[in-house]
Amino acid sequence: MLSKEENLLFIRELGRLQADLYNCSDDQVRNSIHQDILLLLKALSMTAMN
């Protein structure tokens, strides 16, 4: 399980990635950012289960 600080760090990073996704006009880069978001969400959900 993640500590409160680690959880906040990941949530902050999700926000940054979402902002990057919103502001990016390159489809290839947007796809990469989207994959990063999905990976981070999956990791967070897996740690929440434990």
C-alpha atoms as a PDB file:
ATOM      1  CA  MET A   1       0.000   0.000   0.000  1.00  0.00           C
ATOM      2  CA  LEU A   2       1.178   3.503  -0.794  1.00  0.00           C
ATOM      3  CA  SER A   3       1.789   6.121   1.831  1.00  0.00           C
ATOM      4  CA  LYS A   4      -0.344   9.255   1.779  1.00  0.00           C
ATOM      5  CA  GLU A   5       2.580  11.246   0.356  1.00  0.00           C
ATOM      6  CA  GLU A   6       3.200   8.723  -2.417  1.00  0.00           C
ATOM      7  CA  ASN A   7      -0.478   8.671  -3.306  1.00  0.00           C
ATOM      8  CA  LEU A   8      -0.555  12.477  -3.522  1.00  0.00           C
ATOM      9  CA  LEU A   9       2.549  12.434  -5.705  1.00  0.00           C
ATOM     10  CA  PHE A  10       0.907  10.043  -8.170  1.00  0.00           C
ATOM     11  CA  ILE A  11      -2.311  12.058  -8.206  1.00  0.00           C
ATOM     12  CA  ARG A  12      -0.311  15.228  -8.895  1.00  0.00           C
ATOM     13  CA  GLU A  13       1.482  13.463 -11.747  1.00  0.00           C
ATOM     14  CA  LEU A  14      -1.869  12.375 -13.175  1.00  0.00           C
ATOM     15  CA  GLY A  15      -2.938  16.008 -13.200  1.00  0.00           C
ATOM     16  CA  ARG A  16       0.229  17.021 -15.019  1.00  0.00           C
ATOM     17  CA  LEU A  17      -0.242  14.280 -17.583  1.00  0.00           C
ATOM     18  CA  GLN A  18      -3.855  15.294 -18.155  1.00  0.00           C
ATOM     19  CA  ALA A  19      -2.775  18.912 -18.689  1.00  0.00           C
ATOM     20  CA  ASP A  20      -0.084  17.757 -21.118  1.00  0.00           C
ATOM     21  CA  LEU A  21      -2.634  15.648 -22.959  1.00  0.00           C
ATOM     22  CA  TYR A  22      -5.035  18.576 -23.221  1.00  0.00           C
ATOM     23  CA  ASN A  23      -2.355  20.961 -24.496  1.00  0.00           C
ATOM     24  CA  CYS A  24      -0.624  18.599 -26.927  1.00  0.00           C
ATOM     25  CA  SER A  25      -1.401  18.763 -30.640  1.00  0.00           C
ATOM     26  CA  ASP A  26       0.832  15.885 -31.792  1.00  0.00           C
ATOM     27  CA  ASP A  27      -1.212  12.684 -32.071  1.00  0.00           C
ATOM     28  CA  GLN A  28       1.766  10.400 -31.465  1.00  0.00           C
ATOM     29  CA  VAL A  29       2.766  12.262 -28.305  1.00  0.00           C
ATOM     30  CA  ARG A  30      -0.880  12.406 -27.157  1.00  0.00           C
ATOM     31  CA  ASN A  31      -1.100   8.634 -27.532  1.00  0.00           C
ATOM     32  CA  SER A  32       2.061   8.194 -25.478  1.00  0.00           C
ATOM     33  CA  ILE A  33       0.731  10.482 -22.735  1.00  0.00           C
ATOM     34  CA  HIS A  34      -2.575   8.619 -22.771  1.00  0.00           C
ATOM     35  CA  GLN A  35      -0.755   5.302 -22.325  1.00  0.00           C
ATOM     36  CA  ASP A  36       1.189   6.792 -19.399  1.00  0.00           C
ATOM     37  CA  ILE A  37      -2.068   7.890 -17.790  1.00  0.00           C
ATOM     38  CA  LEU A  38      -3.585   4.422 -18.190  1.00  0.00           C
ATOM     39  CA  LEU A  39      -0.476   2.770 -16.744  1.00  0.00           C
ATOM     40  CA  LEU A  40      -0.433   5.092 -13.739  1.00  0.00           C
ATOM     41  CA  LEU A  41      -4.158   4.553 -13.123  1.00  0.00           C
ATOM     42  CA  LYS A  42      -3.657   0.795 -13.288  1.00  0.00           C
ATOM     43  CA  ALA A  43      -0.779   0.957 -10.820  1.00  0.00           C
ATOM     44  CA  LEU A  44      -2.819   3.112  -8.438  1.00  0.00           C
ATOM     45  CA  SER A  45      -5.815   0.798  -8.632  1.00  0.00           C
ATOM     46  CA  MET A  46      -3.638  -2.256  -7.956  1.00  0.00           C
ATOM     47  CA  THR A  47      -2.117  -0.678  -4.857  1.00  0.00           C
ATOM     48  CA  ALA A  48      -5.563   0.358  -3.634  1.00  0.00           C
ATOM     49  CA  MET A  49      -6.693  -3.283  -3.698  1.00  0.00           C
ATOM     50  CA  ASN A  50      -3.941  -4.422  -1.348  1.00  0.00           C
END
